[in-house]
PDB file of N, CA and C in Angstrom:
ATOM      1  N   MET A   1      61.747  46.387  15.151  1.00  0.00           N
ATOM      2  CA  MET A   1      62.045  45.461  16.309  1.00  0.00           C
ATOM      3  C   MET A   1      60.861  43.750  16.075  1.00  0.00           C
ATOM      4  N   LYS A   2      61.072  43.027  15.184  1.00  0.00           N
ATOM      5  CA  LYS A   2      60.209  41.900  15.279  1.00  0.00           C
ATOM      6  C   LYS A   2      60.284  40.910  16.789  1.00  0.00           C
ATOM      7  N   THR A   3      58.602  40.624  17.508  1.00  0.00           N
ATOM      8  CA  THR A   3      58.631  40.217  18.660  1.00  0.00           C
ATOM      9  C   THR A   3      58.517  38.737  17.822  1.00  0.00           C
ATOM     10  N   GLU A   4      58.606  37.480  18.664  1.00  0.00           N
ATOM     11  CA  GLU A   4      57.855  36.234  17.699  1.00  0.00           C
ATOM     12  C   GLU A   4      57.497  35.911  18.717  1.00  0.00           C
ATOM     13  N   GLN A   5      55.636  35.314  18.941  1.00  0.00           N
ATOM     14  CA  GLN A   5      55.359  34.174  19.806  1.00  0.00           C
ATOM     15  C   GLN A   5      55.576  33.089  20.204  1.00  0.00           C
ATOM     16  N   THR A   6      55.810  32.936  21.641  1.00  0.00           N
ATOM     17  CA  THR A   6      56.757  31.506  21.667  1.00  0.00           C
ATOM     18  C   THR A   6      55.167  30.757  21.615  1.00  0.00           C
ATOM     19  N   SER A   7      55.652  29.364  22.386  1.00  0.00           N
ATOM     20  CA  SER A   7      54.426  28.724  23.134  1.00  0.00           C
ATOM     21  C   SER A   7      54.192  28.686  24.430  1.00  0.00           C
ATOM     22  N   SER A   8      54.224  29.403  24.683  1.00  0.00           N
ATOM     23  CA  SER A   8      54.179  29.735  26.480  1.00  0.00           C
ATOM     24  C   SER A   8      53.593  30.603  26.673  1.00  0.00           C
ATOM     25  N   GLN A   9      53.571  31.318  25.156  1.00  0.00           N
ATOM     26  CA  GLN A   9      53.096  32.590  25.311  1.00  0.00           C
ATOM     27  C   GLN A   9      51.581  32.664  24.471  1.00  0.00           C
ATOM     28  N   THR A  10      50.676  31.226  24.691  1.00  0.00           N
ATOM     29  CA  THR A  10      49.561  31.212  23.154  1.00  0.00           C
ATOM     30  C   THR A  10      48.970  31.158  24.409  1.00  0.00           C
ATOM     31  N   GLN A  11      46.856  31.638  24.446  1.00  0.00           N
ATOM     32  CA  GLN A  11      46.154  31.316  24.758  1.00  0.00           C
ATOM     33  C   GLN A  11      45.793  29.965  25.290  1.00  0.00           C
ATOM     34  N   PRO A  12      45.406  29.294  26.499  1.00  0.00           N
ATOM     35  CA  PRO A  12      44.873  28.171  26.609  1.00  0.00           C
ATOM     36  C   PRO A  12      43.429  28.308  26.145  1.00  0.00           C
ATOM     37  N   LYS A  13      42.911  26.941  25.562  1.00  0.00           N
ATOM     38  CA  LYS A  13      41.830  27.031  24.668  1.00  0.00           C
ATOM     39  C   LYS A  13      40.142  26.406  25.967  1.00  0.00           C
ATOM     40  N   ILE A  14      39.224  27.810  25.980  1.00  0.00           N
ATOM     41  CA  ILE A  14      38.885  27.481  27.002  1.00  0.00           C
ATOM     42  C   ILE A  14      37.538  26.123  26.210  1.00  0.00           C
ATOM     43  N   GLN A  15      37.112  25.076  27.155  1.00  0.00           N
ATOM     44  CA  GLN A  15      36.526  24.062  26.788  1.00  0.00           C
ATOM     45  C   GLN A  15      34.504  25.011  26.783  1.00  0.00           C
ATOM     46  N   LYS A  16      34.321  24.370  25.585  1.00  0.00           N
ATOM     47  CA  LYS A  16      32.834  24.897  26.319  1.00  0.00           C
ATOM     48  C   LYS A  16      31.874  23.661  26.713  1.00  0.00           C
ATOM     49  N   PRO A  17      31.181  24.074  27.001  1.00  0.00           N
ATOM     50  CA  PRO A  17      30.552  22.730  27.888  1.00  0.00           C
ATOM     51  C   PRO A  17      29.915  21.660  26.697  1.00  0.00           C
ATOM     52  N   GLU A  18      29.952  20.775  27.644  1.00  0.00           N
ATOM     53  CA  GLU A  18      29.327  19.454  26.498  1.00  0.00           C
ATOM     54  C   GLU A  18      27.378  19.629  25.516  1.00  0.00           C
ATOM     55  N   ARG A  19      27.032  20.131  24.980  1.00  0.00           N
ATOM     56  CA  ARG A  19      25.468  20.096  24.907  1.00  0.00           C
ATOM     57  C   ARG A  19      24.766  19.659  23.576  1.00  0.00           C
ATOM     58  N   GLN A  20      23.930  19.061  23.951  1.00  0.00           N
ATOM     59  CA  GLN A  20      23.281  17.840  23.221  1.00  0.00           C
ATOM     60  C   GLN A  20      21.759  17.762  23.415  1.00  0.00           C
ATOM     61  N   MET A  21      21.002  17.190  22.172  1.00  0.00           N
ATOM     62  CA  MET A  21      20.470  16.714  22.146  1.00  0.00           C
ATOM     63  C   MET A  21      19.471  15.441  22.854  1.00  0.00           C
ATOM     64  N   LYS A  22      18.421  16.067  23.578  1.00  0.00           N
ATOM     65  CA  LYS A  22      17.981  14.586  24.087  1.00  0.00           C
ATOM     66  C   LYS A  22      16.095  14.830  24.099  1.00  0.00           C
ATOM     67  N   ARG A  23      16.048  13.280  24.346  1.00  0.00           N
ATOM     68  CA  ARG A  23      14.829  13.122  24.078  1.00  0.00           C
ATOM     69  C   ARG A  23      13.717  13.802  25.848  1.00  0.00           C
ATOM     70  N   VAL A  24      13.174  14.666  25.719  1.00  0.00           N
ATOM     71  CA  VAL A  24      11.829  15.340  26.331  1.00  0.00           C
ATOM     72  C   VAL A  24      10.539  14.114  26.365  1.00  0.00           C
ATOM     73  N   THR A  25      10.589  14.339  27.817  1.00  0.00           N
ATOM     74  CA  THR A  25       9.543  13.454  27.274  1.00  0.00           C
ATOM     75  C   THR A  25       8.077  14.078  28.100  1.00  0.00           C
ATOM     76  N   SER A  26       8.060  15.229  28.904  1.00  0.00           N
ATOM     77  CA  SER A  26       7.921  16.634  29.602  1.00  0.00           C
ATOM     78  C   SER A  26       7.696  17.789  29.885  1.00  0.00           C
ATOM     79  N   TYR A  27       7.156  18.974  29.589  1.00  0.00           N
ATOM     80  CA  TYR A  27       7.635  19.737  29.548  1.00  0.00           C
ATOM     81  C   TYR A  27       7.000  20.775  30.225  1.00  0.00           C
ATOM     82  N   GLN A  28       7.370  21.923  29.966  1.00  0.00           N
ATOM     83  CA  GLN A  28       6.557  23.780  30.659  1.00  0.00           C
ATOM     84  C   GLN A  28       5.995  24.712  30.184  1.00  0.00           C
ATOM     85  N   ALA A  29       5.967  25.711  30.054  1.00  0.00           N
ATOM     86  CA  ALA A  29       5.720  26.042  29.544  1.00  0.00           C
ATOM     87  C   ALA A  29       5.713  28.128  30.791  1.00  0.00           C
ATOM     88  N   LEU A  30       6.518  28.809  30.274  1.00  0.00           N
ATOM     89  CA  LEU A  30       5.958  30.194  31.981  1.00  0.00           C
ATOM     90  C   LEU A  30       6.266  30.916  30.985  1.00  0.00           C
ATOM     91  N   TRP A  31       5.170  31.928  31.322  1.00  0.00           N
ATOM     92  CA  TRP A  31       5.819  33.089  29.726  1.00  0.00           C
ATOM     93  C   TRP A  31       4.975  34.244  31.096  1.00  0.00           C
ATOM     94  N   ARG A  32       5.648  35.181  31.371  1.00  0.00           N
ATOM     95  CA  ARG A  32       5.799  36.246  32.213  1.00  0.00           C
ATOM     96  C   ARG A  32       5.638  37.890  31.478  1.00  0.00           C
ATOM     97  N   PRO A  33       3.996  38.032  30.998  1.00  0.00           N
ATOM     98  CA  PRO A  33       3.858  39.010  30.274  1.00  0.00           C
ATOM     99  C   PRO A  33       4.627  40.701  30.786  1.00  0.00           C
ATOM    100  N   GLN A  34       4.267  40.749  31.773  1.00  0.00           N
ATOM    101  CA  GLN A  34       4.703  42.130  32.347  1.00  0.00           C
ATOM    102  C   GLN A  34       6.540  42.267  31.706  1.00  0.00           C
ATOM    103  N   GLU A  35       6.598  41.081  31.326  1.00  0.00           N
ATOM    104  CA  GLU A  35       7.909  41.229  30.569  1.00  0.00           C
ATOM    105  C   GLU A  35       8.216  41.112  29.795  1.00  0.00           C
ATOM    106  N   SER A  36       7.547  40.194  29.094  1.00  0.00           N
ATOM    107  CA  SER A  36       7.817  39.839  27.890  1.00  0.00           C
ATOM    108  C   SER A  36       8.508  39.195  27.628  1.00  0.00           C
ATOM    109  N   LYS A  37       8.908  37.743  28.304  1.00  0.00           N
ATOM    110  CA  LYS A  37      10.041  37.137  29.050  1.00  0.00           C
ATOM    111  C   LYS A  37       9.049  35.647  28.977  1.00  0.00           C
ATOM    112  N   GLY A  38       9.635  34.494  28.787  1.00  0.00           N
ATOM    113  CA  GLY A  38       8.959  33.030  28.635  1.00  0.00           C
ATOM    114  C   GLY A  38      10.432  32.081  29.175  1.00  0.00           C
ATOM    115  N   HIS A  39      10.280  30.577  29.668  1.00  0.00           N
ATOM    116  CA  HIS A  39      11.263  29.555  29.798  1.00  0.00           C
ATOM    117  C   HIS A  39      10.093  28.578  29.375  1.00  0.00           C
ATOM    118  N   PHE A  40      11.452  27.457  29.164  1.00  0.00           N
ATOM    119  CA  PHE A  40      10.579  26.345  29.622  1.00  0.00           C
ATOM    120  C   PHE A  40      11.429  25.373  30.072  1.00  0.00           C
ATOM    121  N   TRP A  41       9.860  25.108  31.419  1.00  0.00           N
ATOM    122  CA  TRP A  41      11.145  23.541  32.052  1.00  0.00           C
ATOM    123  C   TRP A  41      10.975  22.119  31.536  1.00  0.00           C
ATOM    124  N   PHE A  42      12.432  21.480  30.142  1.00  0.00           N
ATOM    125  CA  PHE A  42      12.636  20.007  30.062  1.00  0.00           C
ATOM    126  C   PHE A  42      12.215  19.467  31.047  1.00  0.00           C
ATOM    127  N   THR A  43      11.987  17.677  30.514  1.00  0.00           N
ATOM    128  CA  THR A  43      11.709  16.998  31.532  1.00  0.00           C
ATOM    129  C   THR A  43      12.643  15.474  30.433  1.00  0.00           C
ATOM    130  N   TYR A  44      13.761  15.415  30.314  1.00  0.00           N
ATOM    131  CA  TYR A  44      14.597  13.854  29.555  1.00  0.00           C
ATOM    132  C   TYR A  44      13.670  12.686  29.626  1.00  0.00           C
ATOM    133  N   TYR A  45      14.426  12.709  29.038  1.00  0.00           N
ATOM    134  CA  TYR A  45      14.470  10.834  28.432  1.00  0.00           C
ATOM    135  C   TYR A  45      14.396  10.131  30.040  1.00  0.00           C
ATOM    136  N   ASP A  46      15.173  11.091  30.518  1.00  0.00           N
ATOM    137  CA  ASP A  46      16.594  10.072  32.110  1.00  0.00           C
ATOM    138  C   ASP A  46      16.187  10.930  33.160  1.00  0.00           C
ATOM    139  N   GLY A  47      15.582  11.573  33.242  1.00  0.00           N
ATOM    140  CA  GLY A  47      14.775  12.149  34.356  1.00  0.00           C
ATOM    141  C   GLY A  47      15.202  13.333  34.699  1.00  0.00           C
ATOM    142  N   ASP A  48      16.287  14.012  34.114  1.00  0.00           N
ATOM    143  CA  ASP A  48      16.284  14.833  33.750  1.00  0.00           C
ATOM    144  C   ASP A  48      15.448  15.850  33.910  1.00  0.00           C
ATOM    145  N   ARG A  49      15.714  17.319  34.950  1.00  0.00           N
ATOM    146  CA  ARG A  49      14.902  18.378  34.345  1.00  0.00           C
ATOM    147  C   ARG A  49      15.814  19.705  34.113  1.00  0.00           C
ATOM    148  N   GLN A  50      14.671  20.305  34.057  1.00  0.00           N
ATOM    149  CA  GLN A  50      16.510  21.670  33.227  1.00  0.00           C
ATOM    150  C   GLN A  50      15.592  22.387  32.695  1.00  0.00           C
ATOM    151  N   ARG A  51      16.120  23.757  33.111  1.00  0.00           N
ATOM    152  CA  ARG A  51      15.279  25.089  32.501  1.00  0.00           C
ATOM    153  C   ARG A  51      15.408  25.738  31.489  1.00  0.00           C
ATOM    154  N   THR A  52      15.098  26.729  31.099  1.00  0.00           N
ATOM    155  CA  THR A  52      16.034  26.985  29.433  1.00  0.00           C
ATOM    156  C   THR A  52      15.588  28.736  29.822  1.00  0.00           C
ATOM    157  N   GLU A  53      17.149  28.677  28.807  1.00  0.00           N
ATOM    158  CA  GLU A  53      16.946  30.942  29.387  1.00  0.00           C
ATOM    159  C   GLU A  53      16.065  31.988  28.992  1.00  0.00           C
ATOM    160  N   ASP A  54      15.788  33.069  29.680  1.00  0.00           N
ATOM    161  CA  ASP A  54      14.628  33.452  29.205  1.00  0.00           C
ATOM    162  C   ASP A  54      14.906  33.949  27.652  1.00  0.00           C
ATOM    163  N   LEU A  55      13.511  33.781  27.404  1.00  0.00           N
ATOM    164  CA  LEU A  55      13.539  33.977  26.297  1.00  0.00           C
ATOM    165  C   LEU A  55      12.221  34.980  25.286  1.00  0.00           C
ATOM    166  N   ASP A  56      12.168  35.652  24.310  1.00  0.00           N
ATOM    167  CA  ASP A  56      11.724  36.366  24.085  1.00  0.00           C
ATOM    168  C   ASP A  56      10.171  36.239  23.474  1.00  0.00           C
ATOM    169  N   ALA A  57       9.336  36.498  22.761  1.00  0.00           N
ATOM    170  CA  ALA A  57       7.727  37.063  22.778  1.00  0.00           C
ATOM    171  C   ALA A  57       7.644  35.657  21.294  1.00  0.00           C
ATOM    172  N   LYS A  58       9.102  36.025  20.391  1.00  0.00           N
ATOM    173  CA  LYS A  58       8.561  34.937  19.229  1.00  0.00           C
ATOM    174  C   LYS A  58       9.381  33.746  19.414  1.00  0.00           C
ATOM    175  N   SER A  59      10.382  34.198  19.774  1.00  0.00           N
ATOM    176  CA  SER A  59      11.391  32.667  20.206  1.00  0.00           C
ATOM    177  C   SER A  59      10.438  31.553  20.891  1.00  0.00           C
ATOM    178  N   PHE A  60       9.798  32.474  22.203  1.00  0.00           N
ATOM    179  CA  PHE A  60       8.406  31.900  23.070  1.00  0.00           C
ATOM    180  C   PHE A  60       7.806  30.879  21.257  1.00  0.00           C
ATOM    181  N   ARG A  61       7.407  31.609  20.942  1.00  0.00           N
ATOM    182  CA  ARG A  61       6.090  31.606  19.974  1.00  0.00           C
ATOM    183  C   ARG A  61       6.174  30.589  18.895  1.00  0.00           C
ATOM    184  N   ILE A  62       8.007  30.082  18.563  1.00  0.00           N
ATOM    185  CA  ILE A  62       8.437  29.478  17.745  1.00  0.00           C
ATOM    186  C   ILE A  62       8.543  27.494  18.541  1.00  0.00           C
ATOM    187  N   ILE A  63       8.843  28.093  19.725  1.00  0.00           N
ATOM    188  CA  ILE A  63       9.066  26.811  20.718  1.00  0.00           C
ATOM    189  C   ILE A  63       7.206  26.060  21.049  1.00  0.00           C
ATOM    190  N   LEU A  64       7.236  26.357  20.860  1.00  0.00           N
ATOM    191  CA  LEU A  64       5.098  26.827  21.219  1.00  0.00           C
ATOM    192  C   LEU A  64       5.261  25.784  20.061  1.00  0.00           C
ATOM    193  N   GLU A  65       4.620  26.208  18.873  1.00  0.00           N
ATOM    194  CA  GLU A  65       4.174  25.574  17.772  1.00  0.00           C
ATOM    195  C   GLU A  65       5.210  24.299  17.360  1.00  0.00           C
ATOM    196  N   ILE A  66       6.302  24.201  17.933  1.00  0.00           N
ATOM    197  CA  ILE A  66       6.855  22.871  17.434  1.00  0.00           C
ATOM    198  C   ILE A  66       6.560  22.238  18.503  1.00  0.00           C
ATOM    199  N   LEU A  67       6.023  22.771  19.994  1.00  0.00           N
ATOM    200  CA  LEU A  67       6.222  21.092  20.939  1.00  0.00           C
ATOM    201  C   LEU A  67       4.813  21.138  20.248  1.00  0.00           C
ATOM    202  N   ASP A  68       4.457  22.160  19.892  1.00  0.00           N
ATOM    203  CA  ASP A  68       2.378  21.229  19.567  1.00  0.00           C
ATOM    204  C   ASP A  68       2.282  20.218  18.578  1.00  0.00           C
ATOM    205  N   THR A  69       2.903  19.295  19.094  1.00  0.00           N
ATOM    206  CA  THR A  69       3.518  17.490  18.173  1.00  0.00           C
ATOM    207  C   THR A  69       2.794  16.265  18.874  1.00  0.00           C
ATOM    208  N   ASN A  70       2.816  15.788  18.805  1.00  0.00           N
ATOM    209  CA  ASN A  70       2.803  14.774  19.339  1.00  0.00           C
ATOM    210  C   ASN A  70       3.993  12.956  18.565  1.00  0.00           C
ATOM    211  N   LYS A  71       4.671  14.332  18.070  1.00  0.00           N
ATOM    212  CA  LYS A  71       6.106  13.649  17.361  1.00  0.00           C
ATOM    213  C   LYS A  71       6.966  13.232  18.302  1.00  0.00           C
ATOM    214  N   PRO A  72       8.105  12.590  19.008  1.00  0.00           N
ATOM    215  CA  PRO A  72       8.849  12.775  19.310  1.00  0.00           C
ATOM    216  C   PRO A  72      10.024  14.034  19.420  1.00  0.00           C
ATOM    217  N   ILE A  73       9.675  14.022  20.795  1.00  0.00           N
ATOM    218  CA  ILE A  73      11.150  16.034  20.442  1.00  0.00           C
ATOM    219  C   ILE A  73      12.149  15.792  21.407  1.00  0.00           C
ATOM    220  N   PHE A  74      13.024  16.529  21.106  1.00  0.00           N
ATOM    221  CA  PHE A  74      14.040  16.843  21.195  1.00  0.00           C
ATOM    222  C   PHE A  74      14.782  18.280  20.929  1.00  0.00           C
ATOM    223  N   ALA A  75      15.961  18.339  22.560  1.00  0.00           N
ATOM    224  CA  ALA A  75      15.828  19.559  23.142  1.00  0.00           C
ATOM    225  C   ALA A  75      17.374  19.396  24.122  1.00  0.00           C
ATOM    226  N   ASP A  76      17.528  20.631  23.687  1.00  0.00           N
ATOM    227  CA  ASP A  76      18.886  21.255  24.603  1.00  0.00           C
ATOM    228  C   ASP A  76      18.665  22.050  25.388  1.00  0.00           C
ATOM    229  N   HIS A  77      18.103  22.555  27.259  1.00  0.00           N
ATOM    230  CA  HIS A  77      18.123  23.915  27.422  1.00  0.00           C
ATOM    231  C   HIS A  77      18.948  24.494  27.859  1.00  0.00           C
ATOM    232  N   THR A  78      19.969  23.817  27.333  1.00  0.00           N
ATOM    233  CA  THR A  78      21.502  25.649  27.261  1.00  0.00           C
ATOM    234  C   THR A  78      20.718  25.836  26.310  1.00  0.00           C
ATOM    235  N   THR A  79      20.656  26.103  25.715  1.00  0.00           N
ATOM    236  CA  THR A  79      20.695  26.361  24.416  1.00  0.00           C
ATOM    237  C   THR A  79      19.550  26.993  23.270  1.00  0.00           C
ATOM    238  N   SER A  80      18.624  26.308  24.369  1.00  0.00           N
ATOM    239  CA  SER A  80      16.524  26.185  24.282  1.00  0.00           C
ATOM    240  C   SER A  80      16.402  26.042  22.661  1.00  0.00           C
ATOM    241  N   ALA A  81      16.723  25.175  21.842  1.00  0.00           N
ATOM    242  CA  ALA A  81      17.561  24.342  21.002  1.00  0.00           C
ATOM    243  C   ALA A  81      15.741  22.588  21.235  1.00  0.00           C
ATOM    244  N   VAL A  82      14.802  23.396  20.073  1.00  0.00           N
ATOM    245  CA  VAL A  82      13.853  22.220  19.550  1.00  0.00           C
ATOM    246  C   VAL A  82      13.895  21.360  18.832  1.00  0.00           C
ATOM    247  N   ALA A  83      13.528  20.338  18.422  1.00  0.00           N
ATOM    248  CA  ALA A  83      13.651  19.215  16.530  1.00  0.00           C
ATOM    249  C   ALA A  83      13.095  18.623  17.375  1.00  0.00           C
ATOM    250  N   VAL A  84      12.005  18.190  16.332  1.00  0.00           N
ATOM    251  CA  VAL A  84      10.797  17.159  16.281  1.00  0.00           C
ATOM    252  C   VAL A  84      11.571  15.996  15.779  1.00  0.00           C
ATOM    253  N   HIS A  85      11.101  14.709  16.106  1.00  0.00           N
ATOM    254  CA  HIS A  85      11.681  13.293  15.849  1.00  0.00           C
ATOM    255  C   HIS A  85      10.773  13.256  13.658  1.00  0.00           C
ATOM    256  N   TRP A  86      11.334  12.629  12.743  1.00  0.00           N
ATOM    257  CA  TRP A  86      10.595  12.529  11.916  1.00  0.00           C
ATOM    258  C   TRP A  86      11.436  11.737  10.652  1.00  0.00           C
ATOM    259  N   PRO A  87      10.960  10.219  10.944  1.00  0.00           N
ATOM    260  CA  PRO A  87      10.222   9.520  10.592  1.00  0.00           C
ATOM    261  C   PRO A  87      10.407   8.973  11.910  1.00  0.00           C
ATOM    262  N   ASP A  88       8.125   8.190  12.100  1.00  0.00           N
ATOM    263  CA  ASP A  88       8.478   7.778  13.977  1.00  0.00           C
ATOM    264  C   ASP A  88       8.853   6.616  12.929  1.00  0.00           C
ATOM    265  N   CYS A  89      10.583   5.906  14.287  1.00  0.00           N
ATOM    266  CA  CYS A  89      11.017   4.669  13.865  1.00  0.00           C
ATOM    267  C   CYS A  89      11.091   4.147  14.772  1.00  0.00           C
ATOM    268  N   ASP A  90      12.111   3.199  15.052  1.00  0.00           N
ATOM    269  CA  ASP A  90      11.901   2.553  16.905  1.00  0.00           C
ATOM    270  C   ASP A  90      13.514   2.407  17.273  1.00  0.00           C
ATOM    271  N   ILE A  91      14.165   3.726  17.201  1.00  0.00           N
ATOM    272  CA  ILE A  91      15.825   3.698  18.770  1.00  0.00           C
ATOM    273  C   ILE A  91      14.440   3.582  20.012  1.00  0.00           C
ATOM    274  N   ASN A  92      15.950   3.158  20.320  1.00  0.00           N
ATOM    275  CA  ASN A  92      15.054   2.672  21.631  1.00  0.00           C
ATOM    276  C   ASN A  92      17.116   2.665  23.001  1.00  0.00           C
ATOM    277  N   THR A  93      18.014   3.356  21.953  1.00  0.00           N
ATOM    278  CA  THR A  93      18.877   3.851  22.498  1.00  0.00           C
ATOM    279  C   THR A  93      19.396   5.206  22.759  1.00  0.00           C
ATOM    280  N   GLY A  94      20.277   5.418  24.075  1.00  0.00           N
ATOM    281  CA  GLY A  94      21.500   6.107  23.954  1.00  0.00           C
ATOM    282  C   GLY A  94      20.032   7.787  24.228  1.00  0.00           C
ATOM    283  N   ALA A  95      20.592   8.612  23.638  1.00  0.00           N
ATOM    284  CA  ALA A  95      19.909   9.644  23.843  1.00  0.00           C
ATOM    285  C   ALA A  95      18.396   9.966  22.923  1.00  0.00           C
ATOM    286  N   TRP A  96      18.355   9.486  21.938  1.00  0.00           N
ATOM    287  CA  TRP A  96      16.860   8.300  21.506  1.00  0.00           C
ATOM    288  C   TRP A  96      16.167   7.823  22.349  1.00  0.00           C
ATOM    289  N   ALA A  97      16.397   7.164  23.320  1.00  0.00           N
ATOM    290  CA  ALA A  97      15.463   6.558  23.595  1.00  0.00           C
ATOM    291  C   ALA A  97      14.086   6.958  24.776  1.00  0.00           C
TER     292      ALA A  97
END
């Protein structure tokens, strides 16, 4: 016996939160040696201040190395993703401001 799935039986699509890289104007780093975990606070160009999730030692060190620059930094606190903008340019709008 064969059954067919109707459109009313399909699962609704789960909407993922919107994620985007925004320019970071400042950051704070907190390492907790007792737990071997750390996190960052990113302050974005629009004044929004957000905390990343906890990171292990390797990920924390990599992010610190990327942040050690005078180039424009972009980040997404929801994924703990960071990027450095290269080469320098005069982008002044949107998330790049």
